[in-house]
Amino acid sequence: NSLSGVEIFFKSTDEDYDTDRKTCFGSYFVWHHKDVDISSFSISFDQIKLFFRKRYYYKNSGMEIFSKNNKSYFFNFKEEDNREIVINEILSHLKDPAKILDDLKDPKDSFDNVVGYLNQYSPNKKRVKKLKLSKQIAKWTNWEISNFEMLMWLNFFSNRSYLDISQYPVMPWVLSDYEDPLQKNLEVTDYQYRDFSLPMGMMELSPEGEIRKQTFIEIYDSMKTEGDVSMKPYVYGSHYSNPVYVANYLTRLFPFSHIMIELQGNKFDDPDRMFLSVANSFRNSTTQKTDLRELIPEFFYLPEMFLNINKLNLGQKENKELVDDVFVPCNNNPYDFVLTLREVLEGDTVSMNIQKWIDLIFGYKNRGKEADAAYNVFTESSY
């Protein structure tokens, strides 16, 4: 890395990076076309719109920069100290923090450098974060922004990023039945909705789900009374969001096809374990002890994720059937399904109950006594 009065210049410190699809090395991390040279990269200070310290694969070594042309870049540093040098230099070229705080009070303020100070940089950082997030909440409660947009803001403020598969944005399952065809002429009020106040592990939608719930509770209670004192008790040994779940959902699209191959030892996952149908994935997440997955944002806007548009050879199931497109509700039409799911997300029922799910994932039931009471406790490494 090098710094000048006008720009930051990054150069790869790893000679063995993959020039065909992605790279992740000491300086930065970026998805790119195979013909794009990414051995070096630079960005001028005056083009930086905002930035965050980030974790990368749970290590506190990342930074994400958002530019004024609406692009984002994720950097992973080998050493945290190197990241701090870059951050301090950026800070020296940005607005004065006091001025940023004043800008934030103006309802007409643009989303400029202010978020860069949101979590770490302003001397009044808690006040800034509360003010900025409360502005989005006010818009949401006044129906000025959609449920989808509000959930994306919450992911954003929680340091989740599309550029870090280990901290990928998370969205809720909104219905409790995906076996139905979800016909387009069905009224939104006729759907069967999930209980947004419950984490996935507490769902009781089948006899298997009831047994799983009781097993989780019994093990957790036993850990609290008889478990290893050096280990914090937890209800769930897995999580609602992790790299495997994301890659599984998006296997049919690049670069996630390659990520799945890497995660599975240079091959795709076992064909019978792949993302085959929405109904099957929901059934597993409400019955299997090791599967607690929620959704990702693409379910609400990207029908192509369900189609094998790249004609990948995804293998053959035990019944000799080739794995191809994902089977979805709405007469197996992914475009109708995504549209319907988005309508459901923005409907009155979800709007009146989604705050319960927000409390579990982003709010006061995420940790502490309230999380304990809601059986919403994960392994310590999840936090």
Protein backbone atom coordinates (compact mmCIF):
# COMPACT_ATOMS: atom_id res chain seq x y z
CA ASN A 1 0.00 0.00 0.00
CA SER A 2 1.08 3.59 -0.52
CA LEU A 3 -0.47 6.94 0.35
CA SER A 4 -0.19 10.30 -1.32
CA GLY A 5 -1.92 13.62 -0.95
CA VAL A 6 -4.55 12.67 -3.50
CA GLU A 7 -5.10 8.92 -3.51
CA ILE A 8 -4.57 5.53 -1.88
CA PHE A 9 -2.74 2.96 -4.01
CA PHE A 10 -3.08 -0.76 -3.28
CA LYS A 11 -0.88 -3.45 -4.77
CA SER A 12 -1.15 -7.19 -4.33
CA THR A 13 1.21 -8.75 -1.83
CA ASP A 14 0.31 -12.26 -2.95
CA GLU A 15 1.80 -13.55 -6.19
CA ASP A 16 -0.49 -16.55 -6.21
CA TYR A 17 -3.89 -15.00 -6.83
CA ASP A 18 -6.58 -16.18 -9.21
CA THR A 19 -6.88 -13.87 -12.22
CA ASP A 20 -9.92 -15.69 -13.59
CA ARG A 21 -12.58 -14.69 -11.14
CA LYS A 22 -11.72 -13.32 -7.71
CA THR A 23 -8.89 -12.57 -5.40
CA CYS A 24 -8.50 -12.31 -1.67
CA PHE A 25 -5.08 -11.31 -0.49
CA GLY A 26 -3.22 -8.93 1.78
CA SER A 27 -4.40 -5.69 0.28
CA TYR A 28 -7.91 -5.99 -1.03
CA PHE A 29 -10.75 -8.19 -2.13
CA VAL A 30 -12.81 -7.59 -5.25
CA TRP A 31 -15.03 -9.56 -7.60
CA HIS A 32 -14.05 -8.86 -11.15
CA HIS A 33 -14.20 -9.93 -14.78
CA LYS A 34 -11.49 -12.37 -15.82
CA ASP A 35 -9.98 -9.82 -18.24
CA VAL A 36 -9.62 -7.11 -15.59
CA ASP A 37 -6.16 -6.64 -14.10
CA ILE A 38 -6.57 -6.40 -10.34
CA SER A 39 -2.93 -6.67 -9.35
CA SER A 40 -3.15 -2.99 -8.37
CA PHE A 41 -5.90 -0.56 -7.51
CA SER A 42 -6.17 3.10 -6.55
CA ILE A 43 -8.91 5.47 -5.43
CA SER A 44 -8.64 9.22 -4.91
CA PHE A 45 -9.64 10.62 -1.53
CA ASP A 46 -12.18 12.97 -3.09
CA GLN A 47 -14.03 9.95 -4.52
CA ILE A 48 -14.58 8.28 -1.13
CA LYS A 49 -18.19 8.60 -0.07
CA LEU A 50 -18.01 6.56 3.14
CA PHE A 51 -16.09 3.68 4.67
CA PHE A 52 -16.25 1.18 7.50
CA ARG A 53 -13.95 -1.01 9.50
CA LYS A 54 -15.06 -4.57 8.82
CA ARG A 55 -14.38 -8.09 9.90
CA TYR A 56 -13.37 -10.52 7.17
CA TYR A 57 -14.07 -14.17 7.88
CA TYR A 58 -14.50 -13.13 11.52
CA LYS A 59 -11.06 -11.49 11.69
CA ASN A 60 -10.92 -7.78 12.44
CA SER A 61 -8.82 -6.95 9.40
CA GLY A 62 -11.19 -5.57 6.77
CA MET A 63 -12.36 -2.23 5.47
CA GLU A 64 -15.08 -1.39 2.97
CA ILE A 65 -14.98 1.80 0.93
CA PHE A 66 -17.99 3.21 -0.92
CA SER A 67 -17.22 5.58 -3.77
CA LYS A 68 -19.24 8.50 -5.10
CA ASN A 69 -19.98 6.58 -8.29
CA ASN A 70 -21.91 4.03 -6.19
CA LYS A 71 -19.33 1.27 -6.18
CA SER A 72 -17.95 -0.48 -3.15
CA TYR A 73 -14.57 -2.08 -2.52
CA PHE A 74 -13.72 -4.52 0.24
CA PHE A 75 -10.12 -4.57 1.50
CA ASN A 76 -8.64 -7.30 3.65
CA PHE A 77 -5.36 -6.36 5.33
CA LYS A 78 -2.88 -8.90 6.60
CA GLU A 79 -2.34 -6.79 9.70
CA GLU A 80 -4.85 -4.64 11.54
CA ASP A 81 -2.19 -1.95 12.05
CA ASN A 82 -1.87 -1.51 8.28
CA ARG A 83 -5.58 -0.91 8.05
CA GLU A 84 -5.41 1.75 10.75
CA ILE A 85 -2.70 3.61 8.85
CA VAL A 86 -4.95 3.80 5.80
CA ILE A 87 -7.99 4.79 7.87
CA ASN A 88 -6.13 7.60 9.62
CA GLU A 89 -4.98 8.94 6.29
CA ILE A 90 -8.52 8.87 4.91
CA LEU A 91 -9.76 10.69 8.00
CA SER A 92 -7.22 13.42 7.52
CA HIS A 93 -8.67 14.14 4.08
CA LEU A 94 -12.36 14.04 4.99
CA LYS A 95 -14.63 16.58 6.62
CA ASP A 96 -14.14 17.67 10.19
CA PRO A 97 -16.14 15.33 12.49
CA ALA A 98 -17.86 18.29 14.16
CA LYS A 99 -19.04 19.51 10.76
CA ILE A 100 -20.25 16.01 9.93
CA LEU A 101 -22.33 15.97 13.08
CA ASP A 102 -23.88 19.30 12.06
CA ASP A 103 -24.61 17.98 8.58
CA LEU A 104 -26.44 15.07 10.10
CA LYS A 105 -28.95 17.35 11.82
CA ASP A 106 -30.04 18.77 8.46
CA PRO A 107 -32.97 16.71 7.11
CA LYS A 108 -31.72 17.49 3.62
CA ASP A 109 -28.26 16.08 4.29
CA SER A 110 -26.96 13.74 1.64
CA PHE A 111 -25.51 10.36 2.45
CA ASP A 112 -21.93 11.59 2.06
CA ASN A 113 -19.01 10.95 4.39
CA VAL A 114 -21.15 10.91 7.49
CA VAL A 115 -21.58 7.14 7.75
CA GLY A 116 -17.84 6.73 7.68
CA TYR A 117 -17.89 8.04 11.24
CA LEU A 118 -20.93 6.07 12.23
CA ASN A 119 -19.45 3.17 14.17
CA GLN A 120 -15.94 4.21 14.98
CA TYR A 121 -14.76 7.67 14.10
CA SER A 122 -16.83 10.49 15.55
CA PRO A 123 -16.08 11.51 19.15
CA ASN A 124 -19.88 11.44 19.53
CA LYS A 125 -20.17 8.13 17.70
CA LYS A 126 -23.10 6.73 19.71
CA ARG A 127 -25.10 9.87 19.13
CA VAL A 128 -24.30 9.87 15.41
CA LYS A 129 -25.28 6.24 14.98
CA LYS A 130 -28.52 6.70 16.85
CA LEU A 131 -29.41 9.82 14.89
CA LYS A 132 -28.71 8.28 11.50
CA LEU A 133 -30.48 5.00 12.17
CA SER A 134 -33.42 6.74 13.84
CA LYS A 135 -33.85 8.81 10.68
CA GLN A 136 -34.32 5.63 8.64
CA ILE A 137 -36.66 4.18 11.25
CA ALA A 138 -38.75 7.37 11.13
CA LYS A 139 -39.00 7.08 7.36
CA TRP A 140 -39.98 3.44 7.68
CA THR A 141 -42.71 4.04 10.27
CA ASN A 142 -44.09 6.81 8.06
CA TRP A 143 -44.19 4.43 5.05
CA GLU A 144 -41.56 6.50 3.21
CA ILE A 145 -39.29 3.50 2.67
CA SER A 146 -40.19 -0.15 2.15
CA ASN A 147 -39.71 -3.07 4.52
CA PHE A 148 -37.02 -4.38 2.20
CA GLU A 149 -35.12 -1.09 2.30
CA MET A 150 -35.36 -0.89 6.08
CA LEU A 151 -34.01 -4.42 6.45
CA MET A 152 -31.14 -3.56 4.15
CA TRP A 153 -30.35 -0.48 6.26
CA LEU A 154 -30.25 -2.67 9.35
CA ASN A 155 -27.87 -5.09 7.63
CA PHE A 156 -25.76 -2.15 6.56
CA PHE A 157 -25.54 -0.70 10.07
CA SER A 158 -24.74 -4.17 11.41
CA ASN A 159 -21.60 -4.33 9.25
CA ARG A 160 -22.98 -6.98 6.92
CA SER A 161 -21.81 -6.71 3.34
CA TYR A 162 -22.40 -8.29 -0.06
CA LEU A 163 -18.60 -8.43 -0.35
CA ASP A 164 -18.06 -10.66 2.69
CA ILE A 165 -19.75 -14.02 2.41
CA SER A 166 -19.13 -14.65 6.12
CA GLN A 167 -21.16 -11.53 7.01
CA TYR A 168 -23.66 -11.57 4.15
CA PRO A 169 -26.95 -9.63 4.45
CA VAL A 170 -29.72 -11.69 6.00
CA MET A 171 -33.48 -11.65 5.38
CA PRO A 172 -36.36 -13.55 6.99
CA TRP A 173 -38.45 -16.44 5.81
CA VAL A 174 -41.79 -14.64 5.65
CA LEU A 175 -44.18 -17.56 5.09
CA SER A 176 -44.63 -20.86 6.88
CA ASP A 177 -45.78 -22.94 3.92
CA TYR A 178 -43.96 -23.17 0.60
CA GLU A 179 -45.60 -26.42 -0.48
CA ASP A 180 -48.61 -24.46 -1.75
CA PRO A 181 -48.30 -23.23 -5.32
CA LEU A 182 -48.74 -19.61 -4.14
CA GLN A 183 -51.00 -18.82 -7.04
CA LYS A 184 -50.80 -15.26 -8.34
CA ASN A 185 -54.53 -14.73 -7.82
CA LEU A 186 -54.31 -15.63 -4.14
CA GLU A 187 -54.86 -12.69 -1.81
CA VAL A 188 -51.84 -11.75 0.29
CA THR A 189 -53.96 -12.04 3.43
CA ASP A 190 -54.63 -15.71 2.63
CA TYR A 191 -51.02 -16.82 2.99
CA GLN A 192 -49.72 -18.67 6.01
CA TYR A 193 -47.13 -16.46 7.72
CA ARG A 194 -44.28 -17.48 9.95
CA ASP A 195 -44.18 -16.47 13.61
CA PHE A 196 -41.71 -13.58 13.44
CA SER A 197 -41.18 -13.64 17.20
CA LEU A 198 -39.45 -17.04 17.05
CA PRO A 199 -35.94 -17.92 15.88
CA MET A 200 -35.87 -20.71 13.32
CA GLY A 201 -34.88 -23.27 15.96
CA MET A 202 -38.08 -22.69 17.93
CA MET A 203 -40.46 -23.26 15.00
CA GLU A 204 -43.05 -26.01 15.58
CA LEU A 205 -44.52 -26.54 12.12
CA SER A 206 -44.28 -30.34 12.14
CA PRO A 207 -43.76 -33.21 14.59
CA GLU A 208 -40.07 -33.17 13.65
CA GLY A 209 -39.92 -29.47 14.41
CA GLU A 210 -41.51 -29.97 17.81
CA ILE A 211 -38.98 -32.68 18.69
CA ARG A 212 -36.12 -30.49 17.50
CA LYS A 213 -37.33 -27.57 19.61
CA GLN A 214 -37.56 -29.66 22.78
CA THR A 215 -34.12 -31.14 22.13
CA PHE A 216 -32.59 -27.67 21.79
CA ILE A 217 -34.24 -26.48 25.01
CA GLU A 218 -33.24 -29.57 27.02
CA ILE A 219 -29.61 -29.41 25.92
CA TYR A 220 -29.43 -25.67 26.64
CA ASP A 221 -30.95 -26.04 30.10
CA SER A 222 -28.55 -28.89 30.82
CA MET A 223 -25.55 -26.80 29.72
CA LYS A 224 -26.60 -24.01 32.07
CA THR A 225 -26.80 -26.31 35.08
CA GLU A 226 -24.30 -29.08 34.39
CA GLY A 227 -22.15 -27.94 31.49
CA ASP A 228 -18.49 -26.99 31.24
CA VAL A 229 -18.05 -23.73 33.17
CA SER A 230 -15.38 -22.61 30.68
CA MET A 231 -17.91 -22.66 27.84
CA LYS A 232 -20.85 -20.30 27.59
CA PRO A 233 -24.13 -22.23 27.18
CA TYR A 234 -25.80 -21.97 23.79
CA VAL A 235 -28.99 -23.23 22.19
CA TYR A 236 -27.69 -23.63 18.65
CA GLY A 237 -24.36 -24.93 17.44
CA SER A 238 -24.97 -23.56 13.95
CA HIS A 239 -26.20 -20.16 12.75
CA TYR A 240 -28.92 -18.59 10.59
CA SER A 241 -26.30 -17.16 8.21
CA ASN A 242 -22.94 -18.55 7.13
CA PRO A 243 -20.83 -18.88 3.95
CA VAL A 244 -22.13 -22.37 3.12
CA TYR A 245 -25.77 -21.24 3.22
CA VAL A 246 -25.06 -18.25 0.99
CA ALA A 247 -23.05 -20.30 -1.51
CA ASN A 248 -25.73 -22.99 -1.46
CA TYR A 249 -28.47 -20.50 -2.33
CA LEU A 250 -26.42 -18.84 -5.09
CA THR A 251 -24.56 -21.87 -6.48
CA ARG A 252 -26.00 -21.36 -9.96
CA LEU A 253 -24.52 -17.88 -10.30
CA PHE A 254 -20.90 -16.78 -10.61
CA PRO A 255 -18.79 -16.22 -8.57
CA PHE A 256 -20.68 -18.29 -6.00
CA SER A 257 -20.38 -21.41 -8.15
CA HIS A 258 -16.62 -21.21 -7.63
CA ILE A 259 -17.00 -20.44 -3.93
CA MET A 260 -19.11 -23.55 -3.46
CA ILE A 261 -16.51 -25.64 -5.29
CA GLU A 262 -13.79 -24.28 -3.00
CA LEU A 263 -15.86 -24.89 0.13
CA GLN A 264 -16.57 -28.48 -0.94
CA GLY A 265 -13.01 -29.46 -1.84
CA ASN A 266 -12.85 -28.61 -5.56
CA LYS A 267 -16.25 -30.01 -6.42
CA PHE A 268 -19.90 -29.10 -6.11
CA ASP A 269 -21.76 -30.31 -3.06
CA ASP A 270 -23.45 -33.69 -3.09
CA PRO A 271 -26.35 -33.34 -5.59
CA ASP A 272 -28.96 -34.41 -3.03
CA ARG A 273 -27.75 -31.72 -0.60
CA MET A 274 -27.84 -28.86 -3.06
CA PHE A 275 -30.46 -26.12 -3.18
CA LEU A 276 -33.12 -28.09 -5.04
CA SER A 277 -36.39 -26.51 -3.97
CA VAL A 278 -37.58 -23.63 -1.80
CA ALA A 279 -40.05 -25.87 0.02
CA ASN A 280 -37.35 -28.43 0.82
CA SER A 281 -34.96 -25.76 2.14
CA PHE A 282 -37.65 -24.35 4.41
CA ARG A 283 -38.57 -27.83 5.61
CA ASN A 284 -34.94 -28.56 6.49
CA SER A 285 -34.48 -25.24 8.29
CA THR A 286 -37.48 -25.99 10.50
CA THR A 287 -36.74 -29.68 11.20
CA GLN A 288 -32.98 -30.34 11.01
CA LYS A 289 -30.77 -29.69 14.04
CA THR A 290 -27.88 -28.40 11.94
CA ASP A 291 -29.92 -26.19 9.60
CA LEU A 292 -31.23 -22.87 10.91
CA ARG A 293 -30.83 -20.80 7.76
CA GLU A 294 -32.81 -17.68 7.01
CA LEU A 295 -32.96 -16.06 3.56
CA ILE A 296 -30.73 -13.66 1.66
CA PRO A 297 -31.86 -10.45 -0.11
CA GLU A 298 -31.74 -12.02 -3.58
CA PHE A 299 -34.91 -14.00 -2.80
CA PHE A 300 -36.79 -10.73 -3.09
CA TYR A 301 -35.38 -9.37 -6.34
CA LEU A 302 -33.29 -11.90 -8.30
CA PRO A 303 -35.28 -14.71 -9.98
CA GLU A 304 -32.16 -15.77 -11.91
CA MET A 305 -30.74 -17.28 -8.72
CA PHE A 306 -33.21 -20.14 -9.17
CA LEU A 307 -32.24 -20.84 -12.78
CA ASN A 308 -29.23 -22.75 -14.06
CA ILE A 309 -28.61 -20.05 -16.66
CA ASN A 310 -24.91 -20.97 -16.89
CA LYS A 311 -25.73 -24.60 -17.70
CA LEU A 312 -23.52 -25.92 -14.93
CA ASN A 313 -23.06 -29.62 -14.47
CA LEU A 314 -24.41 -29.87 -10.93
CA GLY A 315 -24.49 -33.65 -10.81
CA GLN A 316 -27.07 -36.38 -10.59
CA LYS A 317 -29.25 -37.23 -7.60
CA GLU A 318 -29.64 -40.75 -6.24
CA ASN A 319 -32.83 -41.15 -8.26
CA LYS A 320 -30.74 -40.48 -11.42
CA GLU A 321 -32.39 -37.08 -11.95
CA LEU A 322 -30.03 -34.33 -13.08
CA VAL A 323 -29.79 -31.24 -10.88
CA ASP A 324 -30.81 -28.15 -12.83
CA ASP A 325 -33.16 -25.28 -11.85
CA VAL A 326 -34.52 -24.79 -8.33
CA PHE A 327 -38.16 -25.79 -7.93
CA VAL A 328 -40.12 -22.80 -6.66
CA PRO A 329 -43.76 -22.10 -5.76
CA CYS A 330 -46.03 -20.11 -8.14
CA ASN A 331 -46.26 -22.96 -10.66
CA ASN A 332 -42.47 -23.21 -10.69
CA ASN A 333 -42.15 -19.73 -12.20
CA PRO A 334 -39.24 -17.95 -10.45
CA TYR A 335 -40.27 -14.53 -11.76
CA ASP A 336 -43.77 -14.85 -10.32
CA PHE A 337 -42.38 -16.32 -7.12
CA VAL A 338 -39.96 -13.44 -6.50
CA LEU A 339 -42.68 -10.89 -7.27
CA THR A 340 -45.10 -12.65 -4.93
CA LEU A 341 -42.54 -12.95 -2.16
CA ARG A 342 -41.75 -9.24 -2.43
CA GLU A 343 -45.46 -8.39 -2.29
CA VAL A 344 -45.77 -10.54 0.83
CA LEU A 345 -42.77 -8.79 2.43
CA GLU A 346 -44.34 -5.39 1.83
CA GLY A 347 -47.86 -6.44 2.84
CA ASP A 348 -49.72 -5.40 5.99
CA THR A 349 -49.21 -8.67 7.88
CA VAL A 350 -45.43 -8.54 7.59
CA SER A 351 -45.36 -4.78 8.18
CA MET A 352 -47.18 -5.25 11.50
CA ASN A 353 -44.94 -8.10 12.68
CA ILE A 354 -41.49 -7.79 11.13
CA GLN A 355 -40.22 -5.77 14.11
CA LYS A 356 -40.33 -8.99 16.16
CA TRP A 357 -37.81 -10.61 13.81
CA ILE A 358 -35.72 -7.43 13.82
CA ASP A 359 -35.54 -7.66 17.62
CA LEU A 360 -34.11 -11.18 17.33
CA ILE A 361 -31.53 -10.48 14.64
CA PHE A 362 -30.54 -6.85 15.18
CA GLY A 363 -32.24 -5.72 18.37
CA TYR A 364 -32.55 -6.23 22.09
CA LYS A 365 -33.24 -9.98 21.82
CA ASN A 366 -29.95 -10.55 20.03
CA ARG A 367 -27.94 -10.96 23.25
CA GLY A 368 -28.31 -11.01 27.00
CA LYS A 369 -31.27 -11.93 29.15
CA GLU A 370 -33.85 -11.29 26.43
CA ALA A 371 -31.99 -13.56 24.01
CA ASP A 372 -31.85 -16.21 26.72
CA ALA A 373 -35.60 -15.96 27.34
CA ALA A 374 -36.30 -16.24 23.60
CA TYR A 375 -33.90 -19.19 23.16
CA ASN A 376 -32.00 -17.08 20.68
CA VAL A 377 -28.48 -17.95 21.86
CA PHE A 378 -25.74 -19.16 19.52
CA THR A 379 -22.18 -20.36 20.07
CA GLU A 380 -19.84 -17.67 21.33
CA SER A 381 -17.90 -17.68 18.04
CA SER A 382 -21.07 -16.52 16.25
CA TYR A 383 -20.78 -13.12 17.92
